[in-house]
Amino acid sequence: MGFVKSRLAMSCFVVVISAWMCPAQGQSPSHISAPDDNVRVTALSNQEFHCHTGYPLAQCQKDILRLKTVLTGYPIEALGHWTWVLVRSQDWKPISRMLRLNPDSPAFTALEPRETFLEEALFVHDPERTSELMIEFNRSMPKLLELAITHELGHAFCAEPSEAAADRFAANLRDGQTPSCRGSKEARKKNVIAGEPPGPRPNVLRAP
């Protein structure tokens, strides 16, 4: 569904993250521990989970548990250290526009800081936005959540800026296959850092 590719966008991104990581007033920090399950704890040991400031703590815990459940259906331990951030729908579009991403897409990935961001509506807390997403992508919300996560894993596993390549990787993941990355991960990273055109417009989810 996308990635932050240009130097300008990445600079904006760092500023935004600094603000997001501050817990909401009167709320404890929203980093949530993995459930007490040995398999899941092992699979998620290198993953960090956070919520945007203002995300209600109980909702944050519930949504992160759902995210973890989906992630553990895939070989997430091979990803290495990665950070996942949930963002309220009311904040999603303004932030996406500031980063020059498609505000209609409910997820994006920043390759260099190794972070993926998911919109609250994927977890069905904003009826209007949720309905909009279901119509746009012709998916039920559980299917769309899985589609979004696997697509972002396509970017993350391969340091892959191409939307089409991430789509293919994601489809193979959902089919239970072990997909391989195309070309050199190092070369792809250099292209992203240099701001070279990656292909299709970033942050656009296309249903496979």
N, C-alpha and C. Protein backbone atom coordinates (compact mmCIF):
# COMPACT_ATOMS: atom_id res chain seq x y z
N MET A 1 0.82 -1.19 0.00
CA MET A 1 0.00 0.00 0.00
C MET A 1 0.85 1.24 0.00
N GLY A 2 2.14 1.04 0.13
CA GLY A 2 2.95 2.22 -0.06
C GLY A 2 4.14 2.29 0.85
N PHE A 3 4.92 3.31 0.63
CA PHE A 3 6.13 3.52 1.40
C PHE A 3 6.49 4.98 1.28
N VAL A 4 7.31 5.44 2.21
CA VAL A 4 7.80 6.80 2.15
C VAL A 4 9.10 6.77 1.39
N LYS A 5 9.20 7.44 0.24
CA LYS A 5 10.33 7.22 -0.65
C LYS A 5 11.31 8.38 -0.75
N SER A 6 10.84 9.62 -0.71
CA SER A 6 11.74 10.72 -0.99
C SER A 6 12.41 11.24 0.26
N ARG A 7 13.52 11.96 0.10
CA ARG A 7 14.22 12.55 1.24
C ARG A 7 13.31 13.54 1.96
N LEU A 8 12.57 14.33 1.20
CA LEU A 8 11.68 15.31 1.79
C LEU A 8 10.61 14.63 2.61
N ALA A 9 9.99 13.61 2.04
CA ALA A 9 8.93 12.89 2.75
C ALA A 9 9.49 12.22 3.99
N MET A 10 10.70 11.65 3.90
CA MET A 10 11.28 10.98 5.04
C MET A 10 11.57 11.97 6.16
N SER A 11 11.99 13.19 5.81
CA SER A 11 12.24 14.20 6.83
C SER A 11 10.96 14.57 7.56
N CYS A 12 9.88 14.74 6.80
CA CYS A 12 8.58 15.03 7.41
C CYS A 12 8.16 13.88 8.31
N PHE A 13 8.40 12.67 7.84
CA PHE A 13 8.03 11.45 8.53
C PHE A 13 8.66 11.39 9.91
N VAL A 14 9.93 11.74 10.02
CA VAL A 14 10.63 11.69 11.29
C VAL A 14 10.02 12.67 12.28
N VAL A 15 9.66 13.86 11.80
CA VAL A 15 9.02 14.85 12.66
C VAL A 15 7.69 14.33 13.18
N VAL A 16 6.90 13.74 12.27
CA VAL A 16 5.60 13.22 12.66
C VAL A 16 5.73 12.13 13.71
N ILE A 17 6.70 11.23 13.50
CA ILE A 17 6.86 10.12 14.44
C ILE A 17 7.22 10.63 15.82
N SER A 18 8.04 11.66 15.91
CA SER A 18 8.43 12.19 17.21
C SER A 18 7.20 12.63 17.99
N ALA A 19 6.23 13.21 17.30
CA ALA A 19 5.01 13.64 17.97
C ALA A 19 4.12 12.46 18.32
N TRP A 20 4.08 11.46 17.43
CA TRP A 20 3.18 10.32 17.64
C TRP A 20 3.57 9.48 18.84
N MET A 21 4.85 9.40 19.13
CA MET A 21 5.28 8.47 20.15
C MET A 21 5.05 8.99 21.56
N CYS A 22 4.54 10.23 21.70
CA CYS A 22 4.22 10.75 23.02
C CYS A 22 2.85 10.21 23.44
N PRO A 23 2.74 9.60 24.63
CA PRO A 23 1.44 9.08 25.05
C PRO A 23 0.45 10.21 25.28
N ALA A 24 -0.84 9.90 25.09
CA ALA A 24 -1.87 10.91 25.32
C ALA A 24 -1.92 11.29 26.79
N GLN A 25 -2.36 12.51 27.05
CA GLN A 25 -2.45 12.98 28.42
C GLN A 25 -3.37 12.08 29.23
N GLY A 26 -2.91 11.70 30.42
CA GLY A 26 -3.71 10.85 31.27
C GLY A 26 -3.73 9.40 30.85
N GLN A 27 -2.88 9.03 29.91
CA GLN A 27 -2.88 7.67 29.38
C GLN A 27 -1.49 7.08 29.55
N SER A 28 -1.43 5.81 29.89
CA SER A 28 -0.12 5.17 29.98
C SER A 28 0.40 4.91 28.58
N PRO A 29 1.75 4.76 28.41
CA PRO A 29 2.29 4.52 27.08
C PRO A 29 1.63 3.33 26.43
N SER A 30 1.47 3.39 25.10
CA SER A 30 0.65 2.39 24.41
C SER A 30 1.46 1.25 23.80
N HIS A 31 2.67 1.01 24.28
CA HIS A 31 3.40 -0.17 23.85
C HIS A 31 2.80 -1.37 24.55
N ILE A 32 2.36 -2.37 23.80
CA ILE A 32 1.62 -3.50 24.34
C ILE A 32 2.46 -4.76 24.26
N SER A 33 2.53 -5.49 25.35
CA SER A 33 3.29 -6.74 25.36
C SER A 33 2.56 -7.81 24.57
N ALA A 34 3.32 -8.77 24.08
CA ALA A 34 2.72 -9.89 23.35
C ALA A 34 1.93 -10.77 24.31
N PRO A 35 0.90 -11.45 23.82
CA PRO A 35 0.11 -12.35 24.66
C PRO A 35 0.99 -13.43 25.27
N ASP A 36 0.53 -14.01 26.37
CA ASP A 36 1.29 -15.03 27.08
C ASP A 36 1.16 -16.37 26.37
N ASP A 37 1.75 -16.48 25.22
CA ASP A 37 1.73 -17.69 24.43
C ASP A 37 3.13 -17.86 23.85
N ASN A 38 3.77 -19.00 24.14
CA ASN A 38 5.17 -19.16 23.78
C ASN A 38 5.44 -19.03 22.29
N VAL A 39 4.57 -19.62 21.47
CA VAL A 39 4.77 -19.55 20.03
C VAL A 39 4.66 -18.13 19.54
N ARG A 40 3.62 -17.44 19.98
CA ARG A 40 3.41 -16.07 19.52
C ARG A 40 4.50 -15.13 20.02
N VAL A 41 4.90 -15.31 21.29
CA VAL A 41 5.96 -14.47 21.85
C VAL A 41 7.24 -14.64 21.05
N THR A 42 7.58 -15.87 20.69
CA THR A 42 8.79 -16.12 19.91
C THR A 42 8.69 -15.48 18.53
N ALA A 43 7.57 -15.65 17.87
CA ALA A 43 7.40 -15.11 16.52
C ALA A 43 7.46 -13.59 16.51
N LEU A 44 6.96 -12.97 17.57
CA LEU A 44 6.85 -11.51 17.60
C LEU A 44 7.94 -10.84 18.43
N SER A 45 8.97 -11.59 18.79
CA SER A 45 9.98 -11.07 19.72
C SER A 45 10.71 -9.85 19.20
N ASN A 46 10.82 -9.70 17.88
CA ASN A 46 11.51 -8.54 17.31
C ASN A 46 10.56 -7.46 16.80
N GLN A 47 9.27 -7.60 17.12
CA GLN A 47 8.29 -6.63 16.65
C GLN A 47 7.91 -5.66 17.77
N GLU A 48 7.76 -4.39 17.43
CA GLU A 48 7.27 -3.39 18.38
C GLU A 48 5.89 -2.93 17.92
N PHE A 49 5.05 -2.61 18.90
CA PHE A 49 3.68 -2.20 18.59
C PHE A 49 3.36 -0.93 19.38
N HIS A 50 2.83 0.06 18.67
CA HIS A 50 2.50 1.34 19.28
C HIS A 50 1.17 1.83 18.71
N CYS A 51 0.59 2.80 19.44
CA CYS A 51 -0.60 3.48 18.93
C CYS A 51 -0.36 4.98 18.93
N HIS A 52 -0.97 5.64 17.97
CA HIS A 52 -0.97 7.09 17.84
C HIS A 52 -1.50 7.72 19.11
N THR A 53 -0.97 8.87 19.47
CA THR A 53 -1.47 9.63 20.61
C THR A 53 -2.97 9.87 20.46
N GLY A 54 -3.70 9.62 21.53
CA GLY A 54 -5.15 9.81 21.52
C GLY A 54 -5.93 8.54 21.24
N TYR A 55 -5.24 7.49 20.79
CA TYR A 55 -5.89 6.19 20.56
C TYR A 55 -6.26 5.63 21.94
N PRO A 56 -7.53 5.37 22.22
CA PRO A 56 -7.91 4.86 23.55
C PRO A 56 -7.13 3.59 23.90
N LEU A 57 -6.65 3.52 25.12
CA LEU A 57 -5.75 2.44 25.52
C LEU A 57 -6.39 1.06 25.36
N ALA A 58 -7.63 0.91 25.83
CA ALA A 58 -8.29 -0.40 25.72
C ALA A 58 -8.46 -0.80 24.26
N GLN A 59 -8.82 0.16 23.42
CA GLN A 59 -8.97 -0.11 21.99
C GLN A 59 -7.62 -0.45 21.37
N CYS A 60 -6.58 0.25 21.80
CA CYS A 60 -5.24 0.00 21.31
C CYS A 60 -4.82 -1.44 21.62
N GLN A 61 -5.05 -1.87 22.83
CA GLN A 61 -4.69 -3.24 23.23
C GLN A 61 -5.44 -4.27 22.39
N LYS A 62 -6.73 -4.03 22.20
CA LYS A 62 -7.55 -4.97 21.43
C LYS A 62 -7.11 -5.04 19.97
N ASP A 63 -6.84 -3.87 19.39
CA ASP A 63 -6.47 -3.83 17.97
C ASP A 63 -5.07 -4.41 17.74
N ILE A 64 -4.17 -4.16 18.65
CA ILE A 64 -2.83 -4.72 18.51
C ILE A 64 -2.88 -6.24 18.66
N LEU A 65 -3.74 -6.75 19.50
CA LEU A 65 -3.90 -8.19 19.62
C LEU A 65 -4.38 -8.78 18.29
N ARG A 66 -5.32 -8.10 17.63
CA ARG A 66 -5.79 -8.57 16.32
C ARG A 66 -4.66 -8.53 15.30
N LEU A 67 -3.88 -7.45 15.32
CA LEU A 67 -2.75 -7.33 14.41
C LEU A 67 -1.75 -8.47 14.64
N LYS A 68 -1.45 -8.76 15.88
CA LYS A 68 -0.51 -9.84 16.19
C LYS A 68 -1.04 -11.19 15.72
N THR A 69 -2.34 -11.38 15.86
CA THR A 69 -2.94 -12.65 15.43
C THR A 69 -2.75 -12.85 13.94
N VAL A 70 -2.95 -11.79 13.15
CA VAL A 70 -2.73 -11.90 11.71
C VAL A 70 -1.26 -12.12 11.40
N LEU A 71 -0.39 -11.37 12.05
CA LEU A 71 1.05 -11.46 11.76
C LEU A 71 1.61 -12.86 12.03
N THR A 72 1.13 -13.50 13.09
CA THR A 72 1.68 -14.81 13.43
C THR A 72 1.23 -15.90 12.47
N GLY A 73 0.37 -15.57 11.53
CA GLY A 73 0.02 -16.53 10.49
C GLY A 73 1.06 -16.58 9.37
N TYR A 74 2.06 -15.72 9.47
CA TYR A 74 3.10 -15.61 8.45
C TYR A 74 4.47 -15.72 9.11
N PRO A 75 5.54 -15.95 8.33
CA PRO A 75 6.88 -16.15 8.91
C PRO A 75 7.49 -14.84 9.39
N ILE A 76 6.81 -14.19 10.34
CA ILE A 76 7.18 -12.85 10.76
C ILE A 76 8.54 -12.81 11.44
N GLU A 77 8.97 -13.93 12.03
CA GLU A 77 10.26 -13.93 12.72
C GLU A 77 11.42 -13.67 11.76
N ALA A 78 11.21 -13.94 10.47
CA ALA A 78 12.27 -13.71 9.47
C ALA A 78 12.40 -12.23 9.12
N LEU A 79 11.47 -11.43 9.54
CA LEU A 79 11.48 -10.01 9.19
C LEU A 79 12.55 -9.24 9.95
N GLY A 80 12.87 -9.70 11.17
CA GLY A 80 13.78 -8.94 12.00
C GLY A 80 13.02 -7.83 12.72
N HIS A 81 13.75 -6.90 13.30
CA HIS A 81 13.10 -5.84 14.07
C HIS A 81 12.26 -4.94 13.18
N TRP A 82 11.01 -4.75 13.58
CA TRP A 82 10.09 -3.90 12.83
C TRP A 82 9.13 -3.24 13.79
N THR A 83 8.65 -2.06 13.45
CA THR A 83 7.70 -1.34 14.30
C THR A 83 6.38 -1.16 13.58
N TRP A 84 5.29 -1.40 14.30
CA TRP A 84 3.94 -1.28 13.77
C TRP A 84 3.21 -0.21 14.57
N VAL A 85 2.59 0.73 13.88
CA VAL A 85 1.91 1.84 14.54
C VAL A 85 0.48 1.94 14.03
N LEU A 86 -0.47 2.01 14.95
CA LEU A 86 -1.87 2.20 14.59
C LEU A 86 -2.22 3.68 14.75
N VAL A 87 -2.94 4.20 13.77
CA VAL A 87 -3.24 5.63 13.71
C VAL A 87 -4.75 5.85 13.62
N ARG A 88 -5.25 6.79 14.40
CA ARG A 88 -6.68 7.09 14.35
C ARG A 88 -7.08 7.58 12.96
N SER A 89 -8.27 7.19 12.55
CA SER A 89 -8.75 7.58 11.22
C SER A 89 -8.84 9.10 11.07
N GLN A 90 -9.19 9.80 12.14
CA GLN A 90 -9.32 11.25 12.04
C GLN A 90 -7.98 11.93 11.76
N ASP A 91 -6.89 11.26 12.07
CA ASP A 91 -5.55 11.81 11.83
C ASP A 91 -4.92 11.28 10.54
N TRP A 92 -5.49 10.22 9.99
CA TRP A 92 -4.84 9.49 8.91
C TRP A 92 -4.67 10.32 7.63
N LYS A 93 -5.74 10.90 7.13
CA LYS A 93 -5.67 11.61 5.86
C LYS A 93 -4.79 12.86 5.93
N PRO A 94 -4.89 13.68 6.97
CA PRO A 94 -3.98 14.84 7.04
C PRO A 94 -2.50 14.44 7.05
N ILE A 95 -2.18 13.37 7.77
CA ILE A 95 -0.79 12.92 7.82
C ILE A 95 -0.35 12.37 6.47
N SER A 96 -1.22 11.58 5.84
CA SER A 96 -0.89 11.02 4.53
C SER A 96 -0.64 12.12 3.51
N ARG A 97 -1.48 13.16 3.53
CA ARG A 97 -1.30 14.26 2.58
C ARG A 97 0.01 14.99 2.85
N MET A 98 0.34 15.18 4.11
CA MET A 98 1.58 15.86 4.45
C MET A 98 2.79 15.07 3.93
N LEU A 99 2.68 13.74 3.95
CA LEU A 99 3.77 12.89 3.47
C LEU A 99 3.69 12.62 1.97
N ARG A 100 2.73 13.27 1.31
CA ARG A 100 2.55 13.12 -0.14
C ARG A 100 2.23 11.67 -0.53
N LEU A 101 1.44 11.03 0.30
CA LEU A 101 0.98 9.68 0.04
C LEU A 101 -0.50 9.73 -0.31
N ASN A 102 -1.02 8.62 -0.79
CA ASN A 102 -2.44 8.53 -1.14
C ASN A 102 -3.27 8.45 0.15
N PRO A 103 -4.05 9.47 0.48
CA PRO A 103 -4.79 9.47 1.75
C PRO A 103 -5.92 8.45 1.79
N ASP A 104 -6.29 7.89 0.63
CA ASP A 104 -7.37 6.90 0.60
C ASP A 104 -6.89 5.50 0.97
N SER A 105 -5.59 5.28 0.93
CA SER A 105 -5.05 3.98 1.28
C SER A 105 -4.91 3.88 2.80
N PRO A 106 -5.28 2.75 3.42
CA PRO A 106 -5.27 2.64 4.88
C PRO A 106 -3.97 2.13 5.49
N ALA A 107 -2.87 2.11 4.73
CA ALA A 107 -1.60 1.64 5.28
C ALA A 107 -0.45 2.19 4.46
N PHE A 108 0.69 2.37 5.12
CA PHE A 108 1.93 2.67 4.38
C PHE A 108 3.12 2.20 5.20
N THR A 109 4.24 2.02 4.50
CA THR A 109 5.46 1.52 5.12
C THR A 109 6.61 2.46 4.82
N ALA A 110 7.42 2.75 5.83
CA ALA A 110 8.66 3.51 5.67
C ALA A 110 9.81 2.51 5.78
N LEU A 111 10.53 2.31 4.68
CA LEU A 111 11.51 1.23 4.62
C LEU A 111 12.73 1.47 5.50
N GLU A 112 13.29 2.67 5.44
CA GLU A 112 14.54 2.90 6.16
C GLU A 112 14.40 2.83 7.68
N PRO A 113 13.37 3.47 8.27
CA PRO A 113 13.20 3.29 9.72
C PRO A 113 12.52 1.99 10.11
N ARG A 114 12.13 1.18 9.09
CA ARG A 114 11.52 -0.13 9.32
C ARG A 114 10.23 0.00 10.15
N GLU A 115 9.29 0.74 9.60
CA GLU A 115 8.04 1.01 10.30
C GLU A 115 6.85 0.91 9.34
N THR A 116 5.78 0.35 9.83
CA THR A 116 4.53 0.26 9.06
C THR A 116 3.41 0.89 9.87
N PHE A 117 2.54 1.62 9.17
CA PHE A 117 1.44 2.35 9.80
C PHE A 117 0.12 1.85 9.24
N LEU A 118 -0.83 1.60 10.13
CA LEU A 118 -2.14 1.07 9.75
C LEU A 118 -3.22 1.97 10.31
N GLU A 119 -4.22 2.23 9.48
CA GLU A 119 -5.31 3.10 9.90
C GLU A 119 -6.29 2.36 10.80
N GLU A 120 -6.79 3.08 11.78
CA GLU A 120 -7.77 2.57 12.74
C GLU A 120 -8.97 1.90 12.07
N ALA A 121 -9.42 2.44 10.95
CA ALA A 121 -10.62 1.92 10.29
C ALA A 121 -10.47 0.47 9.87
N LEU A 122 -9.24 -0.01 9.69
CA LEU A 122 -9.03 -1.43 9.37
C LEU A 122 -9.51 -2.33 10.49
N PHE A 123 -9.63 -1.76 11.69
CA PHE A 123 -10.08 -2.53 12.85
C PHE A 123 -11.53 -2.21 13.20
N VAL A 124 -12.23 -1.56 12.26
CA VAL A 124 -13.69 -1.34 12.31
C VAL A 124 -14.11 -0.47 13.50
N HIS A 125 -13.55 0.73 13.59
CA HIS A 125 -13.96 1.67 14.63
C HIS A 125 -14.52 2.97 14.06
N ASP A 126 -14.56 3.08 12.76
CA ASP A 126 -15.08 4.28 12.12
C ASP A 126 -16.03 3.82 11.02
N PRO A 127 -17.35 3.73 11.32
CA PRO A 127 -18.31 3.15 10.38
C PRO A 127 -18.26 3.77 8.98
N GLU A 128 -18.15 5.10 8.90
CA GLU A 128 -18.15 5.77 7.60
C GLU A 128 -16.90 5.40 6.80
N ARG A 129 -15.75 5.48 7.45
CA ARG A 129 -14.50 5.17 6.76
C ARG A 129 -14.40 3.67 6.44
N THR A 130 -14.87 2.84 7.35
CA THR A 130 -14.85 1.40 7.13
C THR A 130 -15.68 1.04 5.90
N SER A 131 -16.88 1.64 5.79
CA SER A 131 -17.74 1.40 4.64
C SER A 131 -17.06 1.86 3.35
N GLU A 132 -16.40 2.99 3.42
CA GLU A 132 -15.67 3.53 2.27
C GLU A 132 -14.59 2.55 1.80
N LEU A 133 -13.85 1.99 2.75
CA LEU A 133 -12.78 1.04 2.41
C LEU A 133 -13.34 -0.25 1.82
N MET A 134 -14.44 -0.75 2.38
CA MET A 134 -15.04 -1.99 1.88
C MET A 134 -15.50 -1.82 0.44
N ILE A 135 -16.07 -0.65 0.12
CA ILE A 135 -16.51 -0.38 -1.25
C ILE A 135 -15.31 -0.22 -2.17
N GLU A 136 -14.32 0.52 -1.72
CA GLU A 136 -13.15 0.81 -2.55
C GLU A 136 -12.40 -0.46 -2.93
N PHE A 137 -12.23 -1.36 -1.97
CA PHE A 137 -11.41 -2.55 -2.21
C PHE A 137 -12.22 -3.83 -2.36
N ASN A 138 -13.55 -3.72 -2.28
CA ASN A 138 -14.43 -4.88 -2.50
C ASN A 138 -14.03 -6.06 -1.62
N ARG A 139 -13.84 -5.78 -0.34
CA ARG A 139 -13.43 -6.80 0.62
C ARG A 139 -14.21 -6.62 1.91
N SER A 140 -14.49 -7.70 2.62
CA SER A 140 -14.97 -7.59 3.99
C SER A 140 -13.80 -7.07 4.82
N MET A 141 -14.08 -6.51 5.99
CA MET A 141 -13.00 -5.92 6.77
C MET A 141 -11.96 -6.93 7.24
N PRO A 142 -12.33 -8.13 7.70
CA PRO A 142 -11.27 -9.09 8.06
C PRO A 142 -10.35 -9.40 6.88
N LYS A 143 -10.93 -9.53 5.68
CA LYS A 143 -10.12 -9.80 4.49
C LYS A 143 -9.26 -8.60 4.13
N LEU A 144 -9.82 -7.40 4.31
CA LEU A 144 -9.06 -6.20 3.97
C LEU A 144 -7.91 -6.00 4.94
N LEU A 145 -8.12 -6.29 6.21
CA LEU A 145 -7.04 -6.19 7.19
C LEU A 145 -5.89 -7.12 6.80
N GLU A 146 -6.22 -8.35 6.45
CA GLU A 146 -5.19 -9.30 6.04
C GLU A 146 -4.51 -8.85 4.75
N LEU A 147 -5.30 -8.33 3.82
CA LEU A 147 -4.75 -7.84 2.56
C LEU A 147 -3.76 -6.70 2.82
N ALA A 148 -4.15 -5.77 3.69
CA ALA A 148 -3.28 -4.63 4.00
C ALA A 148 -1.98 -5.09 4.65
N ILE A 149 -2.10 -5.99 5.62
CA ILE A 149 -0.90 -6.45 6.35
C ILE A 149 0.04 -7.21 5.43
N THR A 150 -0.49 -8.12 4.63
CA THR A 150 0.39 -8.90 3.76
C THR A 150 1.02 -8.03 2.68
N HIS A 151 0.29 -7.04 2.20
CA HIS A 151 0.86 -6.13 1.21
C HIS A 151 2.04 -5.36 1.82
N GLU A 152 1.86 -4.86 3.04
CA GLU A 152 2.96 -4.14 3.69
C GLU A 152 4.12 -5.08 4.00
N LEU A 153 3.84 -6.33 4.30
CA LEU A 153 4.92 -7.31 4.47
C LEU A 153 5.69 -7.50 3.18
N GLY A 154 5.01 -7.36 2.04
CA GLY A 154 5.71 -7.44 0.76
C GLY A 154 6.74 -6.34 0.63
N HIS A 155 6.38 -5.14 1.07
CA HIS A 155 7.36 -4.05 1.09
C HIS A 155 8.46 -4.34 2.12
N ALA A 156 8.05 -4.79 3.30
CA ALA A 156 8.98 -4.91 4.41
C ALA A 156 9.99 -6.03 4.23
N PHE A 157 9.54 -7.23 3.88
CA PHE A 157 10.44 -8.37 3.77
C PHE A 157 11.54 -8.13 2.74
N CYS A 158 11.19 -7.48 1.65
CA CYS A 158 12.12 -7.35 0.52
C CYS A 158 12.71 -5.96 0.37
N ALA A 159 12.42 -5.05 1.31
CA ALA A 159 12.80 -3.64 1.13
C ALA A 159 12.35 -3.21 -0.26
N GLU A 160 11.12 -3.56 -0.59
CA GLU A 160 10.59 -3.47 -1.95
C GLU A 160 9.74 -2.22 -2.14
N PRO A 161 10.18 -1.25 -2.97
CA PRO A 161 9.37 -0.05 -3.21
C PRO A 161 8.25 -0.23 -4.23
N SER A 162 8.31 -1.29 -5.03
CA SER A 162 7.31 -1.49 -6.09
C SER A 162 6.00 -1.99 -5.52
N GLU A 163 4.92 -1.29 -5.87
CA GLU A 163 3.59 -1.71 -5.42
C GLU A 163 3.21 -3.05 -6.05
N ALA A 164 3.50 -3.22 -7.34
CA ALA A 164 3.15 -4.46 -8.03
C ALA A 164 3.90 -5.65 -7.43
N ALA A 165 5.17 -5.46 -7.13
CA ALA A 165 5.96 -6.55 -6.53
C ALA A 165 5.45 -6.88 -5.14
N ALA A 166 5.07 -5.87 -4.37
CA ALA A 166 4.51 -6.11 -3.04
C ALA A 166 3.18 -6.85 -3.14
N ASP A 167 2.38 -6.52 -4.15
CA ASP A 167 1.11 -7.23 -4.37
C ASP A 167 1.36 -8.71 -4.63
N ARG A 168 2.33 -9.00 -5.50
CA ARG A 168 2.63 -10.40 -5.83
C ARG A 168 3.13 -11.17 -4.62
N PHE A 169 4.03 -10.56 -3.88
CA PHE A 169 4.57 -11.18 -2.68
C PHE A 169 3.44 -11.48 -1.68
N ALA A 170 2.55 -10.51 -1.51
CA ALA A 170 1.43 -10.65 -0.57
C ALA A 170 0.49 -11.77 -0.98
N ALA A 171 0.18 -11.85 -2.27
CA ALA A 171 -0.71 -12.91 -2.76
C ALA A 171 -0.11 -14.28 -2.50
N ASN A 172 1.19 -14.41 -2.70
CA ASN A 172 1.86 -15.69 -2.43
C ASN A 172 1.84 -16.03 -0.95
N LEU A 173 2.04 -15.02 -0.12
CA LEU A 173 1.97 -15.24 1.33
C LEU A 173 0.61 -15.78 1.73
N ARG A 174 -0.45 -15.14 1.23
CA ARG A 174 -1.80 -15.55 1.59
C ARG A 174 -2.14 -16.94 1.06
N ASP A 175 -1.45 -17.35 0.01
CA ASP A 175 -1.65 -18.69 -0.55
C ASP A 175 -0.83 -19.75 0.17
N GLY A 176 -0.10 -19.34 1.21
CA GLY A 176 0.68 -20.29 1.99
C GLY A 176 2.03 -20.61 1.39
N GLN A 177 2.44 -19.86 0.39
CA GLN A 177 3.74 -20.08 -0.23
C GLN A 177 4.83 -19.30 0.51
N THR A 178 6.08 -19.63 0.19
CA THR A 178 7.21 -18.89 0.73
C THR A 178 7.81 -18.09 -0.43
N PRO A 179 7.33 -16.87 -0.63
CA PRO A 179 7.77 -16.10 -1.80
C PRO A 179 9.21 -15.63 -1.66
N SER A 180 9.86 -15.42 -2.79
CA SER A 180 11.22 -14.90 -2.79
C SER A 180 11.20 -13.45 -3.27
N CYS A 181 12.19 -12.70 -2.85
CA CYS A 181 12.30 -11.31 -3.25
C CYS A 181 13.01 -11.23 -4.60
N ARG A 182 12.63 -10.25 -5.40
CA ARG A 182 13.26 -10.09 -6.70
C ARG A 182 14.48 -9.19 -6.56
N GLY A 183 15.56 -9.52 -7.22
CA GLY A 183 16.75 -8.67 -7.26
C GLY A 183 17.43 -8.53 -5.92
N SER A 184 18.28 -7.52 -5.80
CA SER A 184 19.09 -7.29 -4.60
C SER A 184 18.40 -6.34 -3.65
N LYS A 185 18.26 -6.74 -2.39
CA LYS A 185 17.67 -5.88 -1.38
C LYS A 185 18.50 -4.61 -1.21
N GLU A 186 19.82 -4.75 -1.28
CA GLU A 186 20.69 -3.59 -1.13
C GLU A 186 20.46 -2.57 -2.25
N ALA A 187 20.30 -3.09 -3.47
CA ALA A 187 20.06 -2.19 -4.61
C ALA A 187 18.73 -1.48 -4.46
N ARG A 188 17.71 -2.19 -3.99
CA ARG A 188 16.41 -1.56 -3.81
C ARG A 188 16.47 -0.48 -2.74
N LYS A 189 17.22 -0.73 -1.66
CA LYS A 189 17.35 0.27 -0.62
C LYS A 189 18.02 1.54 -1.15
N LYS A 190 19.06 1.37 -1.99
CA LYS A 190 19.74 2.52 -2.57
C LYS A 190 18.79 3.34 -3.42
N ASN A 191 17.93 2.66 -4.17
CA ASN A 191 16.96 3.37 -5.00
C ASN A 191 16.00 4.19 -4.16
N VAL A 192 15.55 3.61 -3.05
CA VAL A 192 14.61 4.31 -2.17
C VAL A 192 15.27 5.53 -1.55
N ILE A 193 16.50 5.37 -1.05
CA ILE A 193 17.20 6.47 -0.42
C ILE A 193 17.46 7.60 -1.41
N ALA A 194 17.83 7.22 -2.64
CA ALA A 194 18.13 8.21 -3.68
C ALA A 194 16.87 8.87 -4.23
N GLY A 195 15.71 8.34 -3.88
CA GLY A 195 14.47 8.90 -4.38
C GLY A 195 14.19 8.55 -5.82
N GLU A 196 14.77 7.47 -6.32
CA GLU A 196 14.54 7.08 -7.70
C GLU A 196 13.11 6.57 -7.87
N PRO A 197 12.49 6.80 -9.02
CA PRO A 197 11.10 6.38 -9.22
C PRO A 197 10.92 4.89 -9.01
N PRO A 198 10.00 4.46 -8.15
CA PRO A 198 9.81 3.05 -7.88
C PRO A 198 8.82 2.37 -8.78
N GLY A 199 8.11 3.12 -9.61
CA GLY A 199 7.07 2.50 -10.42
C GLY A 199 5.74 3.17 -10.13
N PRO A 200 4.70 2.40 -9.79
CA PRO A 200 3.38 2.98 -9.55
C PRO A 200 3.39 3.96 -8.38
N ARG A 201 2.41 4.83 -8.33
CA ARG A 201 2.30 5.80 -7.26
C ARG A 201 2.30 5.09 -5.91
N PRO A 202 3.11 5.57 -4.95
CA PRO A 202 3.17 4.89 -3.66
C PRO A 202 1.87 4.96 -2.90
N ASN A 203 1.72 4.02 -1.97
CA ASN A 203 0.62 4.01 -1.04
C ASN A 203 -0.72 3.70 -1.69
N VAL A 204 -0.70 3.01 -2.83
CA VAL A 204 -1.94 2.61 -3.50
C VAL A 204 -2.12 1.11 -3.40
N LEU A 205 -3.16 0.68 -2.73
CA LEU A 205 -3.44 -0.74 -2.59
C LEU A 205 -4.31 -1.17 -3.76
N ARG A 206 -3.86 -2.17 -4.47
CA ARG A 206 -4.68 -2.75 -5.54
C ARG A 206 -5.03 -4.19 -5.15
N ALA A 207 -6.29 -4.51 -5.15
CA ALA A 207 -6.69 -5.86 -4.81
C ALA A 207 -6.15 -6.82 -5.87
N PRO A 208 -5.50 -7.92 -5.46
CA PRO A 208 -4.95 -8.88 -6.43
C PRO A 208 -6.05 -9.62 -7.17
